[in-house]
Amino acid sequence: RDNAKNTVYLQMNSLKPEDTAVYYCAANKYGSASPRRYEY
């Protein structure tokens, strides 16, 4: 992430067919990295 630019990135390498999907970014007000959907 680059907070000065208000931007988050996802660099994806060695892509596989199973990576095919719609990708969504989400913001979590609690501020901690979390895998839980309900926290976003």
Full PDB file with SEQRES, HELIX, SHEET, SSBOND, CRYST1, ORIGX, SCALE, CONECT and MASTER records, all heavy atoms in Angstrom:
SEQRES   1 A   40  ARG ASP ASN ALA LYS ASN THR VAL TYR LEU GLN MET ASN          
SEQRES   2 A   40  SER LEU LYS PRO GLU ASP THR ALA VAL TYR TYR CYS ALA          
SEQRES   3 A   40  ALA ASN LYS TYR GLY SER ALA SER PRO ARG ARG TYR GLU          
SEQRES   4 A   40  TYR                                                          
HELIX    1 AA1 ASN A    3  LYS A    5  5                                   3    
HELIX    2 AA2 PRO A   17  ASP A   19  5                                   3    
HELIX    3 AA3 ARG A   37  GLU A   39  5                                   3    
CRYST1    1.000    1.000    1.000  90.00  90.00  90.00 P 1           1          
ORIGX1      1.000000  0.000000  0.000000        0.00000                         
ORIGX2      0.000000  1.000000  0.000000        0.00000                         
ORIGX3      0.000000  0.000000  1.000000        0.00000                         
SCALE1      1.000000  0.000000  0.000000        0.00000                         
SCALE2      0.000000  1.000000  0.000000        0.00000                         
SCALE3      0.000000  0.000000  1.000000        0.00000                         
ATOM      1  N   ARG A   1       0.831  -1.200   0.000  1.00  0.00           N  
ATOM      2  CA  ARG A   1       0.000   0.000   0.000  1.00  0.00           C  
ATOM      3  C   ARG A   1       0.863   1.246   0.000  1.00  0.00           C  
ATOM      4  O   ARG A   1       2.004   1.243   0.474  1.00  0.00           O  
ATOM      5  CB  ARG A   1      -0.956   0.011   1.197  1.00  0.00           C  
ATOM      6  CG  ARG A   1      -0.285   0.168   2.555  1.00  0.00           C  
ATOM      7  CD  ARG A   1      -1.281  -0.052   3.690  1.00  0.00           C  
ATOM      8  NE  ARG A   1      -2.355   0.935   3.671  1.00  0.00           N  
ATOM      9  CZ  ARG A   1      -3.516   0.811   4.313  1.00  0.00           C  
ATOM     10  NH1 ARG A   1      -3.751  -0.296   5.022  1.00  0.00           N  
ATOM     11  NH2 ARG A   1      -4.431   1.768   4.244  1.00  0.00           N  
ATOM     12  N   ASP A   2       0.300   2.300  -0.531  1.00  0.00           N  
ATOM     13  CA  ASP A   2       0.930   3.603  -0.534  1.00  0.00           C  
ATOM     14  C   ASP A   2      -0.114   4.566  -0.001  1.00  0.00           C  
ATOM     15  O   ASP A   2      -0.989   5.021  -0.738  1.00  0.00           O  
ATOM     16  CB  ASP A   2       1.382   3.990  -1.942  1.00  0.00           C  
ATOM     17  CG  ASP A   2       2.162   5.288  -1.968  1.00  0.00           C  
ATOM     18  OD1 ASP A   2       2.043   6.087  -1.024  1.00  0.00           O  
ATOM     19  OD2 ASP A   2       2.900   5.507  -2.943  1.00  0.00           O  
ATOM     20  N   ASN A   3      -0.033   4.853   1.280  1.00  0.00           N  
ATOM     21  CA  ASN A   3      -1.052   5.685   1.909  1.00  0.00           C  
ATOM     22  C   ASN A   3      -1.053   7.118   1.376  1.00  0.00           C  
ATOM     23  O   ASN A   3      -2.092   7.779   1.376  1.00  0.00           O  
ATOM     24  CB  ASN A   3      -0.868   5.686   3.429  1.00  0.00           C  
ATOM     25  CG  ASN A   3      -1.266   4.368   4.061  1.00  0.00           C  
ATOM     26  OD1 ASN A   3      -1.931   3.545   3.434  1.00  0.00           O  
ATOM     27  ND2 ASN A   3      -0.858   4.156   5.300  1.00  0.00           N  
ATOM     28  N   ALA A   4       0.098   7.592   0.937  1.00  0.00           N  
ATOM     29  CA  ALA A   4       0.166   8.930   0.372  1.00  0.00           C  
ATOM     30  C   ALA A   4      -0.652   9.022  -0.907  1.00  0.00           C  
ATOM     31  O   ALA A   4      -1.137  10.098  -1.262  1.00  0.00           O  
ATOM     32  CB  ALA A   4       1.611   9.325   0.105  1.00  0.00           C  
ATOM     33  N   LYS A   5      -0.799   7.903  -1.599  1.00  0.00           N  
ATOM     34  CA  LYS A   5      -1.576   7.858  -2.828  1.00  0.00           C  
ATOM     35  C   LYS A   5      -2.954   7.243  -2.631  1.00  0.00           C  
ATOM     36  O   LYS A   5      -3.702   7.097  -3.597  1.00  0.00           O  
ATOM     37  CB  LYS A   5      -0.826   7.070  -3.899  1.00  0.00           C  
ATOM     38  CG  LYS A   5       0.500   7.688  -4.316  1.00  0.00           C  
ATOM     39  CD  LYS A   5       1.171   6.860  -5.405  1.00  0.00           C  
ATOM     40  CE  LYS A   5       2.473   7.495  -5.840  1.00  0.00           C  
ATOM     41  NZ  LYS A   5       3.146   6.684  -6.889  1.00  0.00           N  
ATOM     42  N   ASN A   6      -3.268   6.875  -1.402  1.00  0.00           N  
ATOM     43  CA  ASN A   6      -4.546   6.227  -1.099  1.00  0.00           C  
ATOM     44  C   ASN A   6      -4.784   5.019  -2.002  1.00  0.00           C  
ATOM     45  O   ASN A   6      -5.876   4.830  -2.543  1.00  0.00           O  
ATOM     46  CB  ASN A   6      -5.702   7.220  -1.239  1.00  0.00           C  
ATOM     47  CG  ASN A   6      -5.764   8.215  -0.100  1.00  0.00           C  
ATOM     48  OD1 ASN A   6      -5.073   8.079   0.916  1.00  0.00           O  
ATOM     49  ND2 ASN A   6      -6.610   9.220  -0.255  1.00  0.00           N  
ATOM     50  N   THR A   7      -3.761   4.211  -2.140  1.00  0.00           N  
ATOM     51  CA  THR A   7      -3.823   3.097  -3.073  1.00  0.00           C  
ATOM     52  C   THR A   7      -3.229   1.831  -2.454  1.00  0.00           C  
ATOM     53  O   THR A   7      -2.210   1.885  -1.768  1.00  0.00           O  
ATOM     54  CB  THR A   7      -3.078   3.420  -4.374  1.00  0.00           C  
ATOM     55  OG1 THR A   7      -3.646   4.600  -4.963  1.00  0.00           O  
ATOM     56  CG2 THR A   7      -3.195   2.273  -5.369  1.00  0.00           C  
ATOM     57  N   VAL A   8      -3.881   0.719  -2.703  1.00  0.00           N  
ATOM     58  CA  VAL A   8      -3.368  -0.583  -2.313  1.00  0.00           C  
ATOM     59  C   VAL A   8      -3.181  -1.405  -3.585  1.00  0.00           C  
ATOM     60  O   VAL A   8      -3.942  -1.259  -4.549  1.00  0.00           O  
ATOM     61  CB  VAL A   8      -4.310  -1.282  -1.307  1.00  0.00           C  
ATOM     62  CG1 VAL A   8      -5.681  -1.547  -1.925  1.00  0.00           C  
ATOM     63  CG2 VAL A   8      -3.689  -2.575  -0.796  1.00  0.00           C  
ATOM     64  N   TYR A   9      -2.158  -2.255  -3.582  1.00  0.00           N  
ATOM     65  CA  TYR A   9      -1.813  -3.031  -4.759  1.00  0.00           C  
ATOM     66  C   TYR A   9      -1.814  -4.520  -4.452  1.00  0.00           C  
ATOM     67  O   TYR A   9      -1.596  -4.946  -3.319  1.00  0.00           O  
ATOM     68  CB  TYR A   9      -0.424  -2.652  -5.273  1.00  0.00           C  
ATOM     69  CG  TYR A   9      -0.249  -1.186  -5.551  1.00  0.00           C  
ATOM     70  CD1 TYR A   9       0.286  -0.333  -4.588  1.00  0.00           C  
ATOM     71  CD2 TYR A   9      -0.615  -0.648  -6.784  1.00  0.00           C  
ATOM     72  CE1 TYR A   9       0.449   1.017  -4.841  1.00  0.00           C  
ATOM     73  CE2 TYR A   9      -0.454   0.704  -7.047  1.00  0.00           C  
ATOM     74  CZ  TYR A   9       0.080   1.529  -6.073  1.00  0.00           C  
ATOM     75  OH  TYR A   9       0.235   2.873  -6.330  1.00  0.00           O  
ATOM     76  N   LEU A  10      -2.030  -5.294  -5.478  1.00  0.00           N  
ATOM     77  CA  LEU A  10      -1.868  -6.734  -5.390  1.00  0.00           C  
ATOM     78  C   LEU A  10      -1.041  -7.174  -6.588  1.00  0.00           C  
ATOM     79  O   LEU A  10      -1.535  -7.179  -7.716  1.00  0.00           O  
ATOM     80  CB  LEU A  10      -3.215  -7.456  -5.379  1.00  0.00           C  
ATOM     81  CG  LEU A  10      -3.134  -8.977  -5.198  1.00  0.00           C  
ATOM     82  CD1 LEU A  10      -2.635  -9.326  -3.795  1.00  0.00           C  
ATOM     83  CD2 LEU A  10      -4.490  -9.632  -5.464  1.00  0.00           C  
ATOM     84  N   GLN A  11       0.216  -7.506  -6.325  1.00  0.00           N  
ATOM     85  CA  GLN A  11       1.092  -8.017  -7.364  1.00  0.00           C  
ATOM     86  C   GLN A  11       0.909  -9.519  -7.442  1.00  0.00           C  
ATOM     87  O   GLN A  11       1.129 -10.222  -6.456  1.00  0.00           O  
ATOM     88  CB  GLN A  11       2.549  -7.671  -7.055  1.00  0.00           C  
ATOM     89  CG  GLN A  11       3.547  -8.213  -8.073  1.00  0.00           C  
ATOM     90  CD  GLN A  11       3.400  -7.568  -9.429  1.00  0.00           C  
ATOM     91  OE1 GLN A  11       3.311  -6.349  -9.529  1.00  0.00           O  
ATOM     92  NE2 GLN A  11       3.356  -8.385 -10.482  1.00  0.00           N  
ATOM     93  N   MET A  12       0.535 -10.011  -8.597  1.00  0.00           N  
ATOM     94  CA  MET A  12       0.253 -11.423  -8.784  1.00  0.00           C  
ATOM     95  C   MET A  12       1.251 -12.003  -9.778  1.00  0.00           C  
ATOM     96  O   MET A  12       1.301 -11.577 -10.934  1.00  0.00           O  
ATOM     97  CB  MET A  12      -1.174 -11.631  -9.281  1.00  0.00           C  
ATOM     98  CG  MET A  12      -2.230 -11.007  -8.374  1.00  0.00           C  
ATOM     99  SD  MET A  12      -3.924 -11.356  -8.927  1.00  0.00           S  
ATOM    100  CE  MET A  12      -3.947 -10.411 -10.457  1.00  0.00           C  
ATOM    101  N   ASN A  13       2.034 -12.957  -9.312  1.00  0.00           N  
ATOM    102  CA  ASN A  13       3.015 -13.626 -10.152  1.00  0.00           C  
ATOM    103  C   ASN A  13       2.685 -15.110 -10.249  1.00  0.00           C  
ATOM    104  O   ASN A  13       1.926 -15.651  -9.446  1.00  0.00           O  
ATOM    105  CB  ASN A  13       4.421 -13.452  -9.580  1.00  0.00           C  
ATOM    106  CG  ASN A  13       4.860 -12.009  -9.513  1.00  0.00           C  
ATOM    107  OD1 ASN A  13       4.528 -11.204 -10.379  1.00  0.00           O  
ATOM    108  ND2 ASN A  13       5.634 -11.670  -8.484  1.00  0.00           N  
ATOM    109  N   SER A  14       3.283 -15.761 -11.220  1.00  0.00           N  
ATOM    110  CA  SER A  14       3.082 -17.200 -11.418  1.00  0.00           C  
ATOM    111  C   SER A  14       1.603 -17.558 -11.404  1.00  0.00           C  
ATOM    112  O   SER A  14       1.171 -18.496 -10.732  1.00  0.00           O  
ATOM    113  CB  SER A  14       3.835 -17.988 -10.339  1.00  0.00           C  
ATOM    114  OG  SER A  14       5.217 -17.701 -10.366  1.00  0.00           O  
ATOM    115  N   LEU A  15       0.833 -16.815 -12.156  1.00  0.00           N  
ATOM    116  CA  LEU A  15      -0.609 -16.997 -12.152  1.00  0.00           C  
ATOM    117  C   LEU A  15      -1.016 -18.367 -12.687  1.00  0.00           C  
ATOM    118  O   LEU A  15      -0.384 -18.912 -13.597  1.00  0.00           O  
ATOM    119  CB  LEU A  15      -1.279 -15.893 -12.966  1.00  0.00           C  
ATOM    120  CG  LEU A  15      -1.359 -14.551 -12.242  1.00  0.00           C  
ATOM    121  CD1 LEU A  15      -1.614 -13.426 -13.232  1.00  0.00           C  
ATOM    122  CD2 LEU A  15      -2.450 -14.590 -11.179  1.00  0.00           C  
ATOM    123  N   LYS A  16      -2.075 -18.883 -12.104  1.00  0.00           N  
ATOM    124  CA  LYS A  16      -2.616 -20.182 -12.464  1.00  0.00           C  
ATOM    125  C   LYS A  16      -4.060 -20.020 -12.925  1.00  0.00           C  
ATOM    126  O   LYS A  16      -4.731 -19.069 -12.539  1.00  0.00           O  
ATOM    127  CB  LYS A  16      -2.579 -21.130 -11.261  1.00  0.00           C  
ATOM    128  CG  LYS A  16      -1.215 -21.307 -10.638  1.00  0.00           C  
ATOM    129  CD  LYS A  16      -1.303 -22.150  -9.375  1.00  0.00           C  
ATOM    130  CE  LYS A  16       0.051 -22.331  -8.731  1.00  0.00           C  
ATOM    131  NZ  LYS A  16      -0.033 -23.133  -7.488  1.00  0.00           N  
ATOM    132  N   PRO A  17      -4.562 -20.948 -13.729  1.00  0.00           N  
ATOM    133  CA  PRO A  17      -5.964 -20.854 -14.157  1.00  0.00           C  
ATOM    134  C   PRO A  17      -6.937 -20.757 -12.987  1.00  0.00           C  
ATOM    135  O   PRO A  17      -7.966 -20.073 -13.100  1.00  0.00           O  
ATOM    136  CB  PRO A  17      -6.170 -22.146 -14.950  1.00  0.00           C  
ATOM    137  CG  PRO A  17      -4.826 -22.428 -15.516  1.00  0.00           C  
ATOM    138  CD  PRO A  17      -3.862 -22.040 -14.417  1.00  0.00           C  
ATOM    139  N   GLU A  18      -6.632 -21.407 -11.874  1.00  0.00           N  
ATOM    140  CA  GLU A  18      -7.512 -21.349 -10.722  1.00  0.00           C  
ATOM    141  C   GLU A  18      -7.528 -19.992 -10.033  1.00  0.00           C  
ATOM    142  O   GLU A  18      -8.320 -19.771  -9.116  1.00  0.00           O  
ATOM    143  CB  GLU A  18      -7.161 -22.442  -9.703  1.00  0.00           C  
ATOM    144  CG  GLU A  18      -5.695 -22.477  -9.316  1.00  0.00           C  
ATOM    145  CD  GLU A  18      -4.915 -23.525 -10.085  1.00  0.00           C  
ATOM    146  OE1 GLU A  18      -5.094 -23.620 -11.322  1.00  0.00           O  
ATOM    147  OE2 GLU A  18      -4.129 -24.260  -9.457  1.00  0.00           O  
ATOM    148  N   ASP A  19      -6.661 -19.080 -10.455  1.00  0.00           N  
ATOM    149  CA  ASP A  19      -6.698 -17.713  -9.947  1.00  0.00           C  
ATOM    150  C   ASP A  19      -7.763 -16.877 -10.646  1.00  0.00           C  
ATOM    151  O   ASP A  19      -8.006 -15.734 -10.244  1.00  0.00           O  
ATOM    152  CB  ASP A  19      -5.340 -17.031 -10.121  1.00  0.00           C  
ATOM    153  CG  ASP A  19      -4.252 -17.671  -9.278  1.00  0.00           C  
ATOM    154  OD1 ASP A  19      -4.520 -18.020  -8.110  1.00  0.00           O  
ATOM    155  OD2 ASP A  19      -3.121 -17.813  -9.792  1.00  0.00           O  
ATOM    156  N   THR A  20      -8.362 -17.419 -11.683  1.00  0.00           N  
ATOM    157  CA  THR A  20      -9.387 -16.696 -12.423  1.00  0.00           C  
ATOM    158  C   THR A  20     -10.564 -16.365 -11.519  1.00  0.00           C  
ATOM    159  O   THR A  20     -11.147 -17.253 -10.889  1.00  0.00           O  
ATOM    160  CB  THR A  20      -9.867 -17.519 -13.623  1.00  0.00           C  
ATOM    161  OG1 THR A  20      -8.794 -17.683 -14.550  1.00  0.00           O  
ATOM    162  CG2 THR A  20     -11.026 -16.825 -14.330  1.00  0.00           C  
ATOM    163  N   ALA A  21     -10.903 -15.089 -11.443  1.00  0.00           N  
ATOM    164  CA  ALA A  21     -11.975 -14.638 -10.568  1.00  0.00           C  
ATOM    165  C   ALA A  21     -12.137 -13.133 -10.725  1.00  0.00           C  
ATOM    166  O   ALA A  21     -11.318 -12.467 -11.351  1.00  0.00           O  
ATOM    167  CB  ALA A  21     -11.664 -14.969  -9.105  1.00  0.00           C  
ATOM    168  N   VAL A  22     -13.198 -12.625 -10.136  1.00  0.00           N  
ATOM    169  CA  VAL A  22     -13.323 -11.190  -9.953  1.00  0.00           C  
ATOM    170  C   VAL A  22     -12.640 -10.854  -8.632  1.00  0.00           C  
ATOM    171  O   VAL A  22     -12.943 -11.460  -7.606  1.00  0.00           O  
ATOM    172  CB  VAL A  22     -14.794 -10.732  -9.926  1.00  0.00           C  
ATOM    173  CG1 VAL A  22     -14.888  -9.249  -9.621  1.00  0.00           C  
ATOM    174  CG2 VAL A  22     -15.463 -11.046 -11.262  1.00  0.00           C  
ATOM    175  N   TYR A  23     -11.726  -9.907  -8.671  1.00  0.00           N  
ATOM    176  CA  TYR A  23     -10.976  -9.527  -7.489  1.00  0.00           C  
ATOM    177  C   TYR A  23     -11.520  -8.238  -6.903  1.00  0.00           C  
ATOM    178  O   TYR A  23     -11.727  -7.254  -7.624  1.00  0.00           O  
ATOM    179  CB  TYR A  23      -9.491  -9.362  -7.835  1.00  0.00           C  
ATOM    180  CG  TYR A  23      -8.780 -10.679  -7.978  1.00  0.00           C  
ATOM    181  CD1 TYR A  23      -9.047 -11.510  -9.059  1.00  0.00           C  
ATOM    182  CD2 TYR A  23      -7.863 -11.105  -7.020  1.00  0.00           C  
ATOM    183  CE1 TYR A  23      -8.413 -12.740  -9.186  1.00  0.00           C  
ATOM    184  CE2 TYR A  23      -7.222 -12.329  -7.142  1.00  0.00           C  
ATOM    185  CZ  TYR A  23      -7.503 -13.141  -8.220  1.00  0.00           C  
ATOM    186  OH  TYR A  23      -6.866 -14.356  -8.343  1.00  0.00           O  
ATOM    187  N   TYR A  24     -11.727  -8.249  -5.600  1.00  0.00           N  
ATOM    188  CA  TYR A  24     -12.286  -7.114  -4.888  1.00  0.00           C  
ATOM    189  C   TYR A  24     -11.318  -6.618  -3.831  1.00  0.00           C  
ATOM    190  O   TYR A  24     -10.680  -7.413  -3.144  1.00  0.00           O  
ATOM    191  CB  TYR A  24     -13.584  -7.504  -4.176  1.00  0.00           C  
ATOM    192  CG  TYR A  24     -14.689  -7.991  -5.074  1.00  0.00           C  
ATOM    193  CD1 TYR A  24     -14.782  -9.336  -5.425  1.00  0.00           C  
ATOM    194  CD2 TYR A  24     -15.651  -7.115  -5.551  1.00  0.00           C  
ATOM    195  CE1 TYR A  24     -15.809  -9.792  -6.238  1.00  0.00           C  
ATOM    196  CE2 TYR A  24     -16.678  -7.559  -6.366  1.00  0.00           C  
ATOM    197  CZ  TYR A  24     -16.750  -8.901  -6.702  1.00  0.00           C  
ATOM    198  OH  TYR A  24     -17.773  -9.346  -7.510  1.00  0.00           O  
ATOM    199  N   CYS A  25     -11.224  -5.324  -3.682  1.00  0.00           N  
ATOM    200  CA  CYS A  25     -10.515  -4.783  -2.541  1.00  0.00           C  
ATOM    201  C   CYS A  25     -11.531  -4.341  -1.503  1.00  0.00           C  
ATOM    202  O   CYS A  25     -12.689  -4.056  -1.819  1.00  0.00           O  
ATOM    203  CB  CYS A  25      -9.579  -3.625  -2.927  1.00  0.00           C  
ATOM    204  SG  CYS A  25     -10.387  -2.143  -3.554  1.00  0.00           S  
ATOM    205  N   ALA A  26     -11.106  -4.316  -0.257  1.00  0.00           N  
ATOM    206  CA  ALA A  26     -11.993  -3.981   0.839  1.00  0.00           C  
ATOM    207  C   ALA A  26     -11.223  -3.235   1.918  1.00  0.00           C  
ATOM    208  O   ALA A  26     -10.016  -3.423   2.074  1.00  0.00           O  
ATOM    209  CB  ALA A  26     -12.624  -5.252   1.420  1.00  0.00           C  
ATOM    210  N   ALA A  27     -11.941  -2.405   2.664  1.00  0.00           N  
ATOM    211  CA  ALA A  27     -11.347  -1.599   3.721  1.00  0.00           C  
ATOM    212  C   ALA A  27     -11.900  -2.016   5.074  1.00  0.00           C  
ATOM    213  O   ALA A  27     -13.107  -2.189   5.237  1.00  0.00           O  
ATOM    214  CB  ALA A  27     -11.620  -0.120   3.473  1.00  0.00           C  
ATOM    215  N   ASN A  28     -11.006  -2.143   6.033  1.00  0.00           N  
ATOM    216  CA  ASN A  28     -11.320  -2.606   7.381  1.00  0.00           C  
ATOM    217  C   ASN A  28     -10.972  -1.502   8.369  1.00  0.00           C  
ATOM    218  O   ASN A  28      -9.796  -1.197   8.572  1.00  0.00           O  
ATOM    219  CB  ASN A  28     -10.532  -3.887   7.664  1.00  0.00           C  
ATOM    220  CG  ASN A  28     -10.602  -4.346   9.105  1.00  0.00           C  
ATOM    221  OD1 ASN A  28     -11.339  -3.805   9.921  1.00  0.00           O  
ATOM    222  ND2 ASN A  28      -9.821  -5.375   9.418  1.00  0.00           N  
ATOM    223  N   LYS A  29     -11.972  -0.926   9.009  1.00  0.00           N  
ATOM    224  CA  LYS A  29     -11.747   0.208   9.900  1.00  0.00           C  
ATOM    225  C   LYS A  29     -10.976  -0.148  11.158  1.00  0.00           C  
ATOM    226  O   LYS A  29     -10.440   0.740  11.823  1.00  0.00           O  
ATOM    227  CB  LYS A  29     -13.074   0.866  10.282  1.00  0.00           C  
ATOM    228  CG  LYS A  29     -13.979   0.004  11.148  1.00  0.00           C  
ATOM    229  CD  LYS A  29     -15.281   0.732  11.451  1.00  0.00           C  
ATOM    230  CE  LYS A  29     -16.197  -0.112  12.319  1.00  0.00           C  
ATOM    231  NZ  LYS A  29     -17.488   0.584  12.573  1.00  0.00           N  
ATOM    232  N   TYR A  30     -10.902  -1.426  11.503  1.00  0.00           N  
ATOM    233  CA  TYR A  30     -10.179  -1.828  12.708  1.00  0.00           C  
ATOM    234  C   TYR A  30      -8.677  -1.712  12.547  1.00  0.00           C  
ATOM    235  O   TYR A  30      -7.942  -1.691  13.532  1.00  0.00           O  
ATOM    236  CB  TYR A  30     -10.566  -3.249  13.112  1.00  0.00           C  
ATOM    237  CG  TYR A  30     -12.001  -3.367  13.547  1.00  0.00           C  
ATOM    238  CD1 TYR A  30     -12.958  -3.928  12.703  1.00  0.00           C  
ATOM    239  CD2 TYR A  30     -12.408  -2.894  14.789  1.00  0.00           C  
ATOM    240  CE1 TYR A  30     -14.279  -4.017  13.098  1.00  0.00           C  
ATOM    241  CE2 TYR A  30     -13.731  -2.984  15.187  1.00  0.00           C  
ATOM    242  CZ  TYR A  30     -14.664  -3.544  14.336  1.00  0.00           C  
ATOM    243  OH  TYR A  30     -15.977  -3.629  14.732  1.00  0.00           O  
ATOM    244  N   GLY A  31      -8.207  -1.672  11.325  1.00  0.00           N  
ATOM    245  CA  GLY A  31      -6.808  -1.383  11.070  1.00  0.00           C  
ATOM    246  C   GLY A  31      -5.855  -2.556  11.079  1.00  0.00           C  
ATOM    247  O   GLY A  31      -4.680  -2.380  10.765  1.00  0.00           O  
ATOM    248  N   SER A  32      -6.333  -3.738  11.416  1.00  0.00           N  
ATOM    249  CA  SER A  32      -5.469  -4.903  11.453  1.00  0.00           C  
ATOM    250  C   SER A  32      -5.755  -5.809  10.269  1.00  0.00           C  
ATOM    251  O   SER A  32      -6.909  -5.961   9.863  1.00  0.00           O  
ATOM    252  CB  SER A  32      -5.646  -5.669  12.760  1.00  0.00           C  
ATOM    253  OG  SER A  32      -6.984  -6.091  12.930  1.00  0.00           O  
ATOM    254  N   ALA A  33      -4.714  -6.403   9.731  1.00  0.00           N  
ATOM    255  CA  ALA A  33      -4.874  -7.313   8.603  1.00  0.00           C  
ATOM    256  C   ALA A  33      -5.701  -8.506   9.034  1.00  0.00           C  
ATOM    257  O   ALA A  33      -5.398  -9.159  10.033  1.00  0.00           O  
ATOM    258  CB  ALA A  33      -3.515  -7.761   8.093  1.00  0.00           C  
ATOM    259  N   SER A  34      -6.734  -8.796   8.286  1.00  0.00           N  
ATOM    260  CA  SER A  34      -7.664  -9.843   8.673  1.00  0.00           C  
ATOM    261  C   SER A  34      -8.199 -10.583   7.459  1.00  0.00           C  
ATOM    262  O   SER A  34      -8.470  -9.972   6.424  1.00  0.00           O  
ATOM    263  CB  SER A  34      -8.837  -9.249   9.455  1.00  0.00           C  
ATOM    264  OG  SER A  34      -9.837 -10.212   9.697  1.00  0.00           O  
ATOM    265  N   PRO A  35      -8.371 -11.898   7.580  1.00  0.00           N  
ATOM    266  CA  PRO A  35      -8.978 -12.668   6.497  1.00  0.00           C  
ATOM    267  C   PRO A  35     -10.499 -12.759   6.613  1.00  0.00           C  
ATOM    268  O   PRO A  35     -11.144 -13.380   5.774  1.00  0.00           O  
ATOM    269  CB  PRO A  35      -8.353 -14.051   6.682  1.00  0.00           C  
ATOM    270  CG  PRO A  35      -8.224 -14.163   8.168  1.00  0.00           C  
ATOM    271  CD  PRO A  35      -7.871 -12.765   8.651  1.00  0.00           C  
ATOM    272  N   ARG A  36     -11.078 -12.126   7.609  1.00  0.00           N  
ATOM    273  CA  ARG A  36     -12.493 -12.258   7.895  1.00  0.00           C  
ATOM    274  C   ARG A  36     -13.320 -11.228   7.135  1.00  0.00           C  
ATOM    275  O   ARG A  36     -13.180 -10.024   7.318  1.00  0.00           O  
ATOM    276  CB  ARG A  36     -12.739 -12.110   9.393  1.00  0.00           C  
ATOM    277  CG  ARG A  36     -11.890 -13.049  10.237  1.00  0.00           C  
ATOM    278  CD  ARG A  36     -12.118 -12.813  11.712  1.00  0.00           C  
ATOM    279  NE  ARG A  36     -11.223 -13.618  12.531  1.00  0.00           N  
ATOM    280  CZ  ARG A  36     -10.031 -13.223  12.930  1.00  0.00           C  
ATOM    281  NH1 ARG A  36      -9.580 -12.020  12.597  1.00  0.00           N  
ATOM    282  NH2 ARG A  36      -9.283 -14.021  13.663  1.00  0.00           N  
ATOM    283  N   ARG A  37     -14.207 -11.720   6.299  1.00  0.00           N  
ATOM    284  CA  ARG A  37     -15.036 -10.844   5.478  1.00  0.00           C  
ATOM    285  C   ARG A  37     -15.857  -9.870   6.305  1.00  0.00           C  
ATOM    286  O   ARG A  37     -16.026  -8.705   5.919  1.00  0.00           O  
ATOM    287  CB  ARG A  37     -15.971 -11.663   4.594  1.00  0.00           C  
ATOM    288  CG  ARG A  37     -15.292 -12.384   3.444  1.00  0.00           C  
ATOM    289  CD  ARG A  37     -16.336 -12.982   2.530  1.00  0.00           C  
ATOM    290  NE  ARG A  37     -17.184 -11.953   1.953  1.00  0.00           N  
ATOM    291  CZ  ARG A  37     -18.319 -12.191   1.300  1.00  0.00           C  
ATOM    292  NH1 ARG A  37     -18.732 -13.441   1.143  1.00  0.00           N  
ATOM    293  NH2 ARG A  37     -19.025 -11.194   0.795  1.00  0.00           N  
ATOM    294  N   TYR A  38     -16.368 -10.335   7.434  1.00  0.00           N  
ATOM    295  CA  TYR A  38     -17.270  -9.499   8.221  1.00  0.00           C  
ATOM    296  C   TYR A  38     -16.569  -8.316   8.879  1.00  0.00           C  
ATOM    297  O   TYR A  38     -17.235  -7.410   9.374  1.00  0.00           O  
ATOM    298  CB  TYR A  38     -18.000 -10.335   9.280  1.00  0.00           C  
ATOM    299  CG  TYR A  38     -17.117 -10.957  10.342  1.00  0.00           C  
ATOM    300  CD1 TYR A  38     -16.686 -10.222  11.441  1.00  0.00           C  
ATOM    301  CD2 TYR A  38     -16.737 -12.295  10.259  1.00  0.00           C  
ATOM    302  CE1 TYR A  38     -15.891 -10.800  12.420  1.00  0.00           C  
ATOM    303  CE2 TYR A  38     -15.941 -12.874  11.233  1.00  0.00           C  
ATOM    304  CZ  TYR A  38     -15.522 -12.123  12.310  1.00  0.00           C  
ATOM    305  OH  TYR A  38     -14.737 -12.702  13.282  1.00  0.00           O  
ATOM    306  N   GLU A  39     -15.263  -8.314   8.894  1.00  0.00           N  
ATOM    307  CA  GLU A  39     -14.530  -7.196   9.476  1.00  0.00           C  
ATOM    308  C   GLU A  39     -14.305  -6.054   8.487  1.00  0.00           C  
ATOM    309  O   GLU A  39     -13.791  -5.007   8.869  1.00  0.00           O  
ATOM    310  CB  GLU A  39     -13.191  -7.663  10.040  1.00  0.00           C  
ATOM    311  CG  GLU A  39     -13.337  -8.564  11.261  1.00  0.00           C  
ATOM    312  CD  GLU A  39     -12.019  -8.847  11.956  1.00  0.00           C  
ATOM    313  OE1 GLU A  39     -10.975  -8.333  11.508  1.00  0.00           O  
ATOM    314  OE2 GLU A  39     -12.034  -9.580  12.961  1.00  0.00           O  
ATOM    315  N   TYR A  40     -14.694  -6.248   7.254  1.00  0.00           N  
ATOM    316  CA  TYR A  40     -14.500  -5.218   6.240  1.00  0.00           C  
ATOM    317  C   TYR A  40     -15.769  -4.409   6.046  1.00  0.00           C  
ATOM    318  O   TYR A  40     -16.863  -4.960   5.903  1.00  0.00           O  
ATOM    319  CB  TYR A  40     -14.028  -5.845   4.931  1.00  0.00           C  
ATOM    320  CG  TYR A  40     -12.617  -6.351   5.054  1.00  0.00           C  
ATOM    321  CD1 TYR A  40     -12.352  -7.604   5.585  1.00  0.00           C  
ATOM    322  CD2 TYR A  40     -11.540  -5.543   4.683  1.00  0.00           C  
ATOM    323  CE1 TYR A  40     -11.049  -8.048   5.743  1.00  0.00           C  
ATOM    324  CE2 TYR A  40     -10.240  -5.988   4.836  1.00  0.00           C  
ATOM    325  CZ  TYR A  40      -9.995  -7.235   5.367  1.00  0.00           C  
ATOM    326  OH  TYR A  40      -8.706  -7.675   5.524  1.00  0.00           O  
TER     327      TYR A  40                                                      
MASTER        0    0    0    3    0    0    0    6  326    1    0    4          
END                                                                             
